[in-house]
Amino acid sequence: MLKKTVLWLLVAALPLTGGCRAVRYLAYLFAPGSRTRSVDAAFADLKGQRVAVVVFTDIHTQYEYPRARSRLAQRVTAELDDKVDDVETVDPQAVLAYQRENPYWDAEDKTALAERFDADYVLFVAVTEYAMREPGSTTLYRGRITAEASVYEGGVPERAARIWQTDRVATRYPEDAAMGNPEGSLIRIRDRTEQRFVAKLVKNFYKHREEVEP
């Protein structure tokens, strides 16, 4: 009944609006499946390949959030396993152990990292922001994760190895406003911020559907 009423009002408004805008909205409103669109992978070549996920966090992040690197590495690896067909991922614990044992690992060529883990590609995630507190506040919380991601191909010189990159992947939670920290809130904020960030990042590597605005 509601849709019939909306339809009648829009049809009545066609002469006043020139018709085009109302027609576009009618097509969106009544066409089945039109509220999402198919999006191709930005980089589809991880399918069927062995991939090492390597996460970089700076000294400040490591001090304030010492588990950030391991949490993100494990979550990105798990999401790749779940979403990308036939991908084979390197055990994130092996990568993290190497990072702990080699303080200057980040100075190594990415192709050397690929060789070390017998990987076809290295997905290198450079985290530029990882925070759970609202800037300037000690009592308000909102998760923010920002990173730049690149894919390096193993077996080629470093200068030619980076074959894909995205400048910025950013997520925050909650979207609208920071919140206080009653028991359990900080854990929930961290979990959902990481979850949203990882989903947004990994969507670059498989075909998926996204919601569209009317």
Protein backbone atom coordinates (compact mmCIF):
# COMPACT_ATOMS: atom_id res chain seq x y z
CA MET A 1 0.00 0.00 0.00
CA LEU A 2 2.83 2.40 0.90
CA LYS A 3 4.64 1.78 -2.38
CA LYS A 4 1.42 2.36 -4.32
CA THR A 5 0.96 5.70 -2.55
CA VAL A 6 4.56 6.72 -3.25
CA LEU A 7 4.15 5.65 -6.87
CA TRP A 8 0.98 7.76 -7.26
CA LEU A 9 2.68 10.84 -5.75
CA LEU A 10 5.75 10.49 -7.95
CA VAL A 11 3.68 10.02 -11.09
CA ALA A 12 1.69 13.10 -10.18
CA ALA A 13 4.92 15.04 -9.70
CA LEU A 14 6.42 14.13 -13.08
CA PRO A 15 5.24 17.28 -14.86
CA LEU A 16 6.64 19.46 -12.06
CA THR A 17 10.06 17.80 -11.84
CA GLY A 18 10.71 17.33 -15.50
CA GLY A 19 10.27 13.62 -14.94
CA CYS A 20 13.89 12.45 -14.97
CA ARG A 21 14.62 12.45 -11.27
CA ALA A 22 11.31 10.81 -10.37
CA VAL A 23 11.76 8.17 -13.07
CA ARG A 24 15.25 7.32 -11.76
CA TYR A 25 13.89 6.97 -8.23
CA LEU A 26 11.01 4.80 -9.45
CA ALA A 27 13.46 2.53 -11.23
CA TYR A 28 15.54 2.23 -8.06
CA LEU A 29 12.53 1.68 -5.79
CA PHE A 30 10.74 -0.99 -7.78
CA ALA A 31 13.45 -2.80 -9.73
CA PRO A 32 14.33 -6.07 -7.93
CA GLY A 33 17.95 -6.30 -6.78
CA SER A 34 18.73 -2.74 -7.82
CA ARG A 35 19.87 -1.62 -4.37
CA THR A 36 23.26 -3.28 -4.74
CA ARG A 37 25.79 -3.31 -7.53
CA SER A 38 28.51 -5.72 -8.52
CA VAL A 39 32.07 -4.46 -7.99
CA ASP A 40 35.05 -6.14 -9.62
CA ALA A 41 38.20 -6.84 -7.61
CA ALA A 42 40.72 -4.02 -7.76
CA PHE A 43 43.41 -6.72 -7.85
CA ALA A 44 42.15 -10.19 -8.75
CA ASP A 45 45.43 -12.08 -9.08
CA LEU A 46 45.64 -13.45 -5.52
CA LYS A 47 43.34 -16.27 -6.56
CA GLY A 48 45.22 -19.56 -6.57
CA GLN A 49 48.41 -17.99 -5.18
CA ARG A 50 50.37 -18.28 -1.94
CA VAL A 51 50.23 -14.98 -0.04
CA ALA A 52 52.10 -13.70 3.02
CA VAL A 53 50.30 -10.95 4.95
CA VAL A 54 52.84 -8.58 6.52
CA VAL A 55 51.58 -5.77 8.76
CA PHE A 56 53.70 -2.78 9.75
CA THR A 57 52.86 -0.64 12.78
CA ASP A 58 55.00 2.25 14.00
CA ILE A 59 56.69 2.50 17.42
CA HIS A 60 53.91 4.64 18.91
CA THR A 61 51.23 2.11 17.94
CA GLN A 62 53.33 -0.82 19.16
CA TYR A 63 53.72 0.89 22.55
CA GLU A 64 50.08 1.88 23.04
CA TYR A 65 48.48 -1.12 21.30
CA PRO A 66 51.06 -3.94 21.39
CA ARG A 67 48.65 -6.52 19.96
CA ALA A 68 47.47 -4.40 17.02
CA ARG A 69 49.91 -5.90 14.52
CA SER A 70 49.14 -9.50 15.42
CA ARG A 71 45.37 -8.94 15.54
CA LEU A 72 45.27 -7.29 12.12
CA ALA A 73 47.62 -9.84 10.53
CA GLN A 74 45.51 -12.74 11.73
CA ARG A 75 42.24 -11.10 10.74
CA VAL A 76 43.41 -10.10 7.25
CA THR A 77 44.76 -13.61 6.66
CA ALA A 78 41.50 -15.20 7.82
CA GLU A 79 39.44 -12.87 5.61
CA LEU A 80 41.55 -13.72 2.56
CA ASP A 81 41.09 -17.42 3.27
CA ASP A 82 37.34 -16.91 3.54
CA LYS A 83 36.73 -14.59 0.59
CA VAL A 84 39.36 -15.26 -2.11
CA ASP A 85 38.95 -18.49 -4.07
CA ASP A 86 41.80 -21.00 -3.88
CA VAL A 87 44.18 -18.62 -2.10
CA GLU A 88 46.86 -20.18 0.10
CA THR A 89 48.04 -17.99 2.96
CA VAL A 90 51.20 -18.18 5.01
CA ASP A 91 50.60 -18.91 8.69
CA PRO A 92 50.42 -15.44 10.27
CA GLN A 93 52.14 -16.73 13.40
CA ALA A 94 55.22 -17.58 11.32
CA VAL A 95 55.32 -14.05 9.90
CA LEU A 96 54.82 -12.47 13.32
CA ALA A 97 57.55 -14.65 14.86
CA TYR A 98 59.97 -13.52 12.16
CA GLN A 99 59.09 -9.88 12.83
CA ARG A 100 59.71 -10.30 16.56
CA GLU A 101 63.03 -12.07 16.05
CA ASN A 102 64.32 -9.58 13.45
CA PRO A 103 63.93 -5.97 14.64
CA TYR A 104 65.00 -4.57 11.26
CA TRP A 105 62.76 -6.78 9.16
CA ASP A 106 61.03 -3.73 7.69
CA ALA A 107 64.28 -2.69 5.99
CA GLU A 108 64.36 -5.92 3.97
CA ASP A 109 63.20 -6.07 0.37
CA LYS A 110 59.63 -7.28 0.12
CA THR A 111 60.79 -9.83 -2.44
CA ALA A 112 63.16 -11.24 0.20
CA LEU A 113 60.18 -11.63 2.51
CA ALA A 114 58.30 -13.45 -0.25
CA GLU A 115 61.22 -15.81 -0.73
CA ARG A 116 61.58 -16.41 3.00
CA PHE A 117 57.97 -17.53 3.29
CA ASP A 118 57.89 -19.29 -0.09
CA ALA A 119 55.11 -16.91 -1.18
CA ASP A 120 54.07 -15.77 -4.64
CA TYR A 121 52.95 -12.42 -3.25
CA VAL A 122 53.41 -10.29 -0.15
CA LEU A 123 50.41 -8.22 0.93
CA PHE A 124 52.10 -5.41 2.86
CA VAL A 125 49.76 -3.39 5.10
CA ALA A 126 51.37 -0.23 6.48
CA VAL A 127 49.20 1.01 9.34
CA THR A 128 49.37 4.79 9.67
CA GLU A 129 46.70 5.13 12.37
CA TYR A 130 45.39 2.71 14.96
CA ALA A 131 43.56 4.32 17.88
CA MET A 132 40.57 3.60 20.06
CA ARG A 133 40.31 6.92 21.92
CA GLU A 134 38.84 10.13 20.61
CA PRO A 135 41.65 12.65 19.96
CA GLY A 136 42.26 14.83 23.03
CA SER A 137 40.08 12.74 25.33
CA THR A 138 40.84 10.08 27.92
CA THR A 139 37.23 9.10 28.52
CA LEU A 140 35.63 9.07 25.05
CA TYR A 141 36.22 6.22 22.64
CA ARG A 142 35.93 5.79 18.89
CA GLY A 143 38.00 3.32 16.87
CA ARG A 144 40.05 4.57 13.92
CA ILE A 145 42.25 2.48 11.63
CA THR A 146 43.96 3.85 8.54
CA ALA A 147 46.47 2.02 6.37
CA GLU A 148 48.12 1.89 2.97
CA ALA A 149 48.29 -1.53 1.31
CA SER A 150 50.53 -2.87 -1.46
CA VAL A 151 51.02 -6.20 -3.21
CA TYR A 152 54.58 -7.25 -4.05
CA GLU A 153 55.38 -10.07 -6.42
CA GLY A 154 58.07 -12.54 -5.40
CA GLY A 155 60.96 -13.49 -7.64
CA VAL A 156 61.48 -10.10 -9.27
CA PRO A 157 63.69 -7.11 -8.35
CA GLU A 158 62.23 -4.92 -5.58
CA ARG A 159 62.03 -1.87 -7.84
CA ALA A 160 59.61 -3.75 -10.10
CA ALA A 161 57.92 -5.90 -7.46
CA ARG A 162 55.09 -3.63 -6.35
CA ILE A 163 52.33 -4.47 -8.77
CA TRP A 164 49.33 -3.00 -6.93
CA GLN A 165 48.70 -0.44 -4.23
CA THR A 166 45.92 1.50 -2.58
CA ASP A 167 46.79 4.81 -0.97
CA ARG A 168 44.34 4.79 1.92
CA VAL A 169 41.95 2.39 3.58
CA ALA A 170 40.23 4.08 6.51
CA THR A 171 37.56 2.97 8.97
CA ARG A 172 36.08 4.38 12.15
CA TYR A 173 33.53 3.06 14.62
CA PRO A 174 31.08 4.32 15.82
CA GLU A 175 30.48 6.45 12.74
CA ASP A 176 28.40 9.22 14.29
CA ALA A 177 29.95 10.04 17.66
CA ALA A 178 32.41 8.88 20.26
CA MET A 179 31.10 7.04 23.28
CA GLY A 180 32.00 6.47 26.91
CA ASN A 181 33.42 3.22 28.21
CA PRO A 182 30.98 1.26 30.31
CA GLU A 183 32.18 -2.28 30.89
CA GLY A 184 32.84 -4.09 27.64
CA SER A 185 32.48 -1.10 25.29
CA LEU A 186 36.18 -0.74 24.46
CA ILE A 187 36.45 -4.41 23.53
CA ARG A 188 33.40 -4.08 21.28
CA ILE A 189 34.72 -0.90 19.67
CA ARG A 190 38.09 -2.48 18.92
CA ASP A 191 36.52 -5.64 17.54
CA ARG A 192 34.08 -3.88 15.22
CA THR A 193 36.64 -1.32 14.04
CA GLU A 194 39.07 -4.09 13.10
CA GLN A 195 36.30 -6.13 11.51
CA ARG A 196 35.16 -3.25 9.31
CA PHE A 197 38.69 -2.27 8.35
CA VAL A 198 39.65 -5.82 7.35
CA ALA A 199 36.46 -6.32 5.33
CA LYS A 200 37.05 -3.04 3.48
CA LEU A 201 40.66 -3.92 2.72
CA VAL A 202 40.07 -7.48 1.53
CA LYS A 203 37.20 -6.45 -0.76
CA ASN A 204 39.92 -5.16 -3.07
CA PHE A 205 40.79 -8.78 -3.89
CA TYR A 206 37.47 -10.39 -4.85
CA LYS A 207 34.31 -9.55 -6.76
CA HIS A 208 31.57 -8.44 -4.40
CA ARG A 209 28.36 -6.47 -4.11
CA GLU A 210 27.94 -3.05 -2.54
CA GLU A 211 24.89 -1.05 -1.56
CA VAL A 212 24.07 1.98 -3.67
CA GLU A 213 22.28 5.17 -2.72
CA PRO A 214 19.01 6.09 -4.48
